[in-house]
């Protein structure tokens, strides 16, 4: 009788141990799932912040570019004219300086060359 009582006690302890192991495993799985969910939500939130900051930066540069468009276009055209017309007008400069009677166009060319030296 004493042997059967101790045997029953061992069996009940084994069953309880198995039950607690399953319970611990379930608890561990739940904790791991919660950790993954927190990690995913944190990464998602961080990605959204990075995207917002990039968008804001791009919007800032776009606005600045649009504000300076007219100025940049004028500078680009002036640079283009200086590069292209300086060579052409420079080749005419020697013959124009030797002339005594200059047309309005020729006077304009000499003035342009003086301004853009």
N, C-alpha and C. Protein backbone atom coordinates (compact mmCIF):
# COMPACT_ATOMS: atom_id res chain seq x y z
N UNK A 1 0.81 -1.18 0.00
CA UNK A 1 0.00 0.00 0.00
C UNK A 1 0.85 1.24 0.00
N UNK A 2 1.90 1.20 0.82
CA UNK A 2 2.78 2.36 0.87
C UNK A 2 3.50 2.52 -0.45
N UNK A 3 3.81 1.40 -1.06
CA UNK A 3 4.49 1.46 -2.34
C UNK A 3 3.59 2.02 -3.41
N UNK A 4 2.33 1.63 -3.42
CA UNK A 4 1.41 2.15 -4.42
C UNK A 4 1.15 3.63 -4.19
N UNK A 5 1.13 4.08 -2.94
CA UNK A 5 0.92 5.50 -2.65
C UNK A 5 2.10 6.32 -3.15
N UNK A 6 3.31 5.82 -2.92
CA UNK A 6 4.48 6.57 -3.39
C UNK A 6 4.57 6.52 -4.91
N UNK A 7 4.12 5.41 -5.50
CA UNK A 7 4.11 5.31 -6.95
C UNK A 7 3.13 6.31 -7.55
N UNK A 8 1.93 6.41 -6.92
CA UNK A 8 0.93 7.39 -7.38
C UNK A 8 1.48 8.81 -7.24
N UNK A 9 2.19 9.05 -6.16
CA UNK A 9 2.77 10.38 -5.95
C UNK A 9 3.79 10.68 -7.05
N UNK A 10 4.61 9.73 -7.40
CA UNK A 10 5.59 9.92 -8.47
C UNK A 10 4.90 10.17 -9.81
N UNK A 11 3.85 9.41 -10.07
CA UNK A 11 3.12 9.59 -11.32
C UNK A 11 2.48 10.97 -11.35
N UNK A 12 1.88 11.39 -10.25
CA UNK A 12 1.24 12.70 -10.22
C UNK A 12 2.28 13.81 -10.37
N UNK A 13 3.47 13.62 -9.76
CA UNK A 13 4.53 14.61 -9.93
C UNK A 13 5.00 14.67 -11.38
N UNK A 14 5.07 13.51 -12.01
CA UNK A 14 5.48 13.46 -13.41
C UNK A 14 4.46 14.17 -14.29
N UNK A 15 3.18 13.94 -14.04
CA UNK A 15 2.12 14.58 -14.80
C UNK A 15 2.16 16.09 -14.58
N UNK A 16 2.34 16.51 -13.33
CA UNK A 16 2.42 17.94 -13.05
C UNK A 16 3.65 18.55 -13.71
N UNK A 17 4.76 17.81 -13.69
CA UNK A 17 5.98 18.31 -14.32
C UNK A 17 5.77 18.46 -15.82
N UNK A 18 5.13 17.46 -16.43
CA UNK A 18 4.84 17.56 -17.85
C UNK A 18 3.92 18.73 -18.14
N UNK A 19 2.93 18.91 -17.31
CA UNK A 19 1.99 20.02 -17.48
C UNK A 19 2.68 21.36 -17.33
N UNK A 20 3.57 21.46 -16.37
CA UNK A 20 4.26 22.73 -16.17
C UNK A 20 5.24 22.99 -17.31
N UNK A 21 5.83 21.94 -17.88
CA UNK A 21 6.73 22.11 -19.02
C UNK A 21 5.95 22.66 -20.21
N UNK A 22 4.78 22.06 -20.47
CA UNK A 22 3.94 22.56 -21.56
C UNK A 22 3.52 23.99 -21.30
N UNK A 23 3.20 24.27 -20.07
CA UNK A 23 2.81 25.63 -19.71
C UNK A 23 3.97 26.60 -19.94
N UNK A 24 5.17 26.19 -19.53
CA UNK A 24 6.34 27.04 -19.73
C UNK A 24 6.63 27.24 -21.22
N UNK A 25 6.50 26.15 -21.99
CA UNK A 25 6.73 26.27 -23.43
C UNK A 25 5.72 27.21 -24.07
N UNK A 26 4.46 27.09 -23.66
CA UNK A 26 3.42 27.97 -24.19
C UNK A 26 3.72 29.42 -23.81
N UNK A 27 4.09 29.63 -22.55
CA UNK A 27 4.42 30.98 -22.08
C UNK A 27 5.62 31.53 -22.85
N UNK A 28 6.60 30.69 -23.09
CA UNK A 28 7.78 31.11 -23.85
C UNK A 28 7.41 31.49 -25.27
N UNK A 29 6.54 30.69 -25.91
CA UNK A 29 6.11 31.01 -27.27
C UNK A 29 5.35 32.32 -27.31
N UNK A 30 4.50 32.55 -26.31
CA UNK A 30 3.73 33.80 -26.25
C UNK A 30 4.68 34.98 -26.10
N UNK A 31 5.68 34.84 -25.22
CA UNK A 31 6.65 35.92 -25.03
C UNK A 31 7.44 36.20 -26.31
N UNK A 32 7.86 35.13 -26.98
CA UNK A 32 8.61 35.30 -28.22
C UNK A 32 7.76 35.99 -29.28
N UNK A 33 6.49 35.61 -29.36
CA UNK A 33 5.59 36.25 -30.33
C UNK A 33 5.43 37.73 -30.01
N UNK A 34 5.27 38.06 -28.73
CA UNK A 34 5.13 39.46 -28.32
C UNK A 34 6.40 40.24 -28.66
N UNK A 35 7.54 39.63 -28.42
CA UNK A 35 8.81 40.30 -28.75
C UNK A 35 8.90 40.58 -30.25
N UNK A 36 8.52 39.59 -31.06
CA UNK A 36 8.54 39.79 -32.51
C UNK A 36 7.59 40.89 -32.93
N UNK A 37 6.39 40.91 -32.34
CA UNK A 37 5.42 41.95 -32.67
C UNK A 37 5.94 43.34 -32.30
N UNK A 38 6.55 43.44 -31.13
CA UNK A 38 7.12 44.73 -30.71
C UNK A 38 8.25 45.14 -31.65
N UNK A 39 9.10 44.19 -32.00
CA UNK A 39 10.20 44.48 -32.90
C UNK A 39 9.70 44.94 -34.26
N UNK A 40 8.72 44.24 -34.81
CA UNK A 40 8.17 44.60 -36.11
C UNK A 40 7.52 45.98 -36.06
N UNK A 41 6.77 46.25 -35.00
CA UNK A 41 6.13 47.56 -34.91
C UNK A 41 7.16 48.68 -34.74
N UNK A 42 8.23 48.41 -34.01
CA UNK A 42 9.29 49.41 -33.85
C UNK A 42 9.99 49.69 -35.17
N UNK A 43 10.31 48.63 -35.90
CA UNK A 43 10.97 48.80 -37.20
C UNK A 43 10.06 49.53 -38.17
N UNK A 44 8.79 49.21 -38.17
CA UNK A 44 7.83 49.88 -39.04
C UNK A 44 7.74 51.36 -38.71
N UNK A 45 7.67 51.68 -37.44
CA UNK A 45 7.60 53.09 -37.02
C UNK A 45 8.87 53.83 -37.40
N UNK A 46 10.01 53.21 -37.23
CA UNK A 46 11.29 53.85 -37.58
C UNK A 46 11.37 54.07 -39.09
N UNK A 47 10.92 53.10 -39.86
CA UNK A 47 10.94 53.25 -41.32
C UNK A 47 10.02 54.39 -41.75
N UNK A 48 8.89 54.52 -41.11
CA UNK A 48 7.97 55.62 -41.44
C UNK A 48 8.60 56.96 -41.12
N UNK A 49 9.32 57.06 -40.02
CA UNK A 49 9.98 58.32 -39.66
C UNK A 49 11.07 58.66 -40.67
N UNK A 50 11.84 57.67 -41.09
CA UNK A 50 12.90 57.91 -42.07
C UNK A 50 12.29 58.36 -43.38
N UNK A 51 11.22 57.71 -43.81
CA UNK A 51 10.56 58.09 -45.04
C UNK A 51 10.02 59.51 -44.96
N UNK A 52 9.41 59.88 -43.84
CA UNK A 52 8.90 61.23 -43.67
C UNK A 52 10.02 62.25 -43.72
N UNK A 53 11.14 61.97 -43.10
CA UNK A 53 12.24 62.93 -43.10
C UNK A 53 12.83 63.07 -44.50
N UNK A 54 12.92 61.96 -45.24
CA UNK A 54 13.41 62.05 -46.62
C UNK A 54 12.45 62.85 -47.48
N UNK A 55 11.16 62.62 -47.30
CA UNK A 55 10.16 63.35 -48.06
C UNK A 55 10.24 64.83 -47.75
N UNK A 56 10.38 65.17 -46.49
CA UNK A 56 10.49 66.58 -46.11
C UNK A 56 11.73 67.21 -46.71
N UNK A 57 12.84 66.49 -46.71
CA UNK A 57 14.07 67.01 -47.28
C UNK A 57 13.93 67.22 -48.79
N UNK A 58 13.33 66.24 -49.47
CA UNK A 58 13.12 66.39 -50.91
C UNK A 58 12.18 67.55 -51.22
N UNK A 59 11.13 67.71 -50.42
CA UNK A 59 10.21 68.83 -50.62
C UNK A 59 10.93 70.16 -50.42
N UNK A 60 11.80 70.22 -49.44
CA UNK A 60 12.56 71.45 -49.18
C UNK A 60 13.44 71.79 -50.37
N UNK A 61 14.16 70.79 -50.91
CA UNK A 61 15.02 71.04 -52.05
C UNK A 61 14.22 71.40 -53.30
N UNK A 62 13.08 70.78 -53.49
CA UNK A 62 12.23 71.09 -54.64
C UNK A 62 11.73 72.52 -54.56
N UNK A 63 11.28 72.94 -53.39
CA UNK A 63 10.80 74.30 -53.20
C UNK A 63 11.91 75.31 -53.47
N UNK A 64 13.09 75.04 -52.93
CA UNK A 64 14.23 75.94 -53.12
C UNK A 64 14.61 76.00 -54.60
N UNK A 65 14.56 74.87 -55.28
CA UNK A 65 14.88 74.83 -56.70
C UNK A 65 13.88 75.64 -57.52
N UNK A 66 12.61 75.52 -57.19
CA UNK A 66 11.59 76.27 -57.92
C UNK A 66 11.72 77.77 -57.67
N UNK A 67 12.09 78.15 -56.44
CA UNK A 67 12.25 79.57 -56.13
C UNK A 67 13.42 80.17 -56.91
N UNK A 68 14.47 79.40 -57.13
CA UNK A 68 15.66 79.91 -57.80
C UNK A 68 15.69 79.61 -59.29
N UNK A 69 14.60 79.08 -59.84
CA UNK A 69 14.59 78.66 -61.24
C UNK A 69 14.88 79.82 -62.18
N UNK A 70 14.21 80.94 -62.03
CA UNK A 70 14.41 82.08 -62.93
C UNK A 70 15.86 82.57 -62.86
N UNK A 71 16.36 82.69 -61.65
CA UNK A 71 17.75 83.15 -61.46
C UNK A 71 18.73 82.17 -62.10
N UNK A 72 18.52 80.88 -61.87
CA UNK A 72 19.41 79.87 -62.44
C UNK A 72 19.33 79.83 -63.96
N UNK A 73 18.12 80.00 -64.50
CA UNK A 73 17.97 80.02 -65.96
C UNK A 73 18.72 81.20 -66.57
N UNK A 74 18.62 82.37 -65.94
CA UNK A 74 19.32 83.56 -66.44
C UNK A 74 20.83 83.35 -66.38
N UNK A 75 21.33 82.83 -65.27
CA UNK A 75 22.77 82.57 -65.15
C UNK A 75 23.23 81.56 -66.19
N UNK A 76 22.43 80.54 -66.43
CA UNK A 76 22.79 79.52 -67.41
C UNK A 76 22.85 80.12 -68.82
N UNK A 77 21.87 80.96 -69.16
CA UNK A 77 21.86 81.60 -70.48
C UNK A 77 23.03 82.56 -70.63
N UNK A 78 23.31 83.35 -69.59
CA UNK A 78 24.44 84.28 -69.66
C UNK A 78 25.75 83.52 -69.88
N UNK A 79 25.91 82.43 -69.16
CA UNK A 79 27.11 81.62 -69.32
C UNK A 79 27.19 81.04 -70.74
N UNK A 80 26.06 80.61 -71.26
CA UNK A 80 26.01 80.08 -72.62
C UNK A 80 26.42 81.15 -73.63
N UNK A 81 25.86 82.34 -73.50
CA UNK A 81 26.18 83.43 -74.42
C UNK A 81 27.65 83.82 -74.33
N UNK A 82 28.17 83.89 -73.12
CA UNK A 82 29.59 84.25 -72.96
C UNK A 82 30.50 83.23 -73.63
N UNK A 83 30.20 81.97 -73.44
CA UNK A 83 31.04 80.93 -74.05
C UNK A 83 30.96 80.96 -75.57
N UNK A 84 29.75 81.05 -76.09
CA UNK A 84 29.57 80.91 -77.53
C UNK A 84 29.85 82.18 -78.32
N UNK A 85 29.40 83.31 -77.82
CA UNK A 85 29.56 84.54 -78.58
C UNK A 85 30.92 85.19 -78.38
N UNK A 86 31.60 84.89 -77.30
CA UNK A 86 32.91 85.49 -77.08
C UNK A 86 33.89 85.05 -78.16
N UNK A 87 33.87 83.79 -78.52
CA UNK A 87 34.76 83.31 -79.59
C UNK A 87 34.41 83.97 -80.92
N UNK A 88 33.12 84.01 -81.23
CA UNK A 88 32.69 84.58 -82.51
C UNK A 88 32.98 86.07 -82.57
N UNK A 89 32.57 86.80 -81.53
CA UNK A 89 32.79 88.25 -81.52
C UNK A 89 34.28 88.57 -81.39
N UNK A 90 35.01 87.72 -80.70
CA UNK A 90 36.46 87.93 -80.56
C UNK A 90 37.17 87.87 -81.90
N UNK A 91 36.70 87.01 -82.78
CA UNK A 91 37.31 86.93 -84.12
C UNK A 91 37.00 88.19 -84.94
N UNK A 92 35.89 88.85 -84.64
CA UNK A 92 35.53 90.09 -85.35
C UNK A 92 36.18 91.32 -84.72
N UNK A 93 36.63 91.20 -83.51
CA UNK A 93 37.10 92.36 -82.75
C UNK A 93 38.25 93.09 -83.45
N UNK A 94 39.22 92.37 -83.95
CA UNK A 94 40.38 93.01 -84.60
C UNK A 94 39.96 93.87 -85.77
N UNK A 95 39.10 93.33 -86.63
CA UNK A 95 38.69 94.10 -87.80
C UNK A 95 37.77 95.26 -87.41
N UNK A 96 36.97 95.10 -86.36
CA UNK A 96 36.07 96.18 -85.94
C UNK A 96 36.84 97.35 -85.32
N UNK A 97 37.90 97.07 -84.62
CA UNK A 97 38.68 98.13 -83.97
C UNK A 97 39.43 98.97 -85.01
N UNK A 98 39.71 98.39 -86.15
CA UNK A 98 40.42 99.13 -87.20
C UNK A 98 39.49 100.02 -88.00
N UNK A 99 38.20 99.75 -87.98
CA UNK A 99 37.22 100.53 -88.74
C UNK A 99 36.99 101.87 -88.07
N UNK A 100 36.68 102.87 -88.88
CA UNK A 100 36.35 104.18 -88.33
C UNK A 100 34.84 104.37 -88.28
N UNK A 101 34.13 103.93 -89.30
CA UNK A 101 32.67 104.03 -89.32
C UNK A 101 32.08 102.69 -88.87
N UNK A 102 31.48 102.68 -87.69
CA UNK A 102 30.88 101.46 -87.15
C UNK A 102 29.37 101.57 -87.17
N UNK A 103 28.72 100.46 -87.54
CA UNK A 103 27.26 100.41 -87.47
C UNK A 103 26.84 100.23 -86.01
N UNK A 104 25.55 100.36 -85.76
CA UNK A 104 25.03 100.17 -84.39
C UNK A 104 25.31 98.76 -83.90
N UNK A 105 25.20 97.79 -84.79
CA UNK A 105 25.45 96.40 -84.42
C UNK A 105 26.91 96.20 -84.04
N UNK A 106 27.80 96.76 -84.83
CA UNK A 106 29.22 96.62 -84.55
C UNK A 106 29.60 97.32 -83.25
N UNK A 107 28.99 98.47 -82.99
CA UNK A 107 29.22 99.16 -81.71
C UNK A 107 28.72 98.29 -80.54
N UNK A 108 27.58 97.66 -80.75
CA UNK A 108 27.02 96.78 -79.72
C UNK A 108 27.94 95.59 -79.45
N UNK A 109 28.54 95.06 -80.52
CA UNK A 109 29.46 93.93 -80.35
C UNK A 109 30.68 94.35 -79.54
N UNK A 110 31.24 95.51 -79.84
CA UNK A 110 32.40 95.99 -79.09
C UNK A 110 32.05 96.26 -77.63
N UNK A 111 30.88 96.82 -77.40
CA UNK A 111 30.44 97.06 -76.01
C UNK A 111 30.26 95.73 -75.26
N UNK A 112 29.69 94.75 -75.94
CA UNK A 112 29.48 93.44 -75.32
C UNK A 112 30.83 92.81 -74.96
N UNK A 113 31.80 92.93 -75.88
CA UNK A 113 33.13 92.38 -75.60
C UNK A 113 33.79 93.08 -74.42
N UNK A 114 33.60 94.38 -74.28
CA UNK A 114 34.16 95.12 -73.14
C UNK A 114 33.53 94.65 -71.82
N UNK A 115 32.22 94.45 -71.84
CA UNK A 115 31.51 94.01 -70.62
C UNK A 115 31.86 92.59 -70.22
N UNK A 116 32.15 91.74 -71.17
CA UNK A 116 32.33 90.31 -70.90
C UNK A 116 33.77 89.84 -71.03
N UNK A 117 34.72 90.69 -70.72
CA UNK A 117 36.13 90.28 -70.78
C UNK A 117 36.48 89.40 -69.64
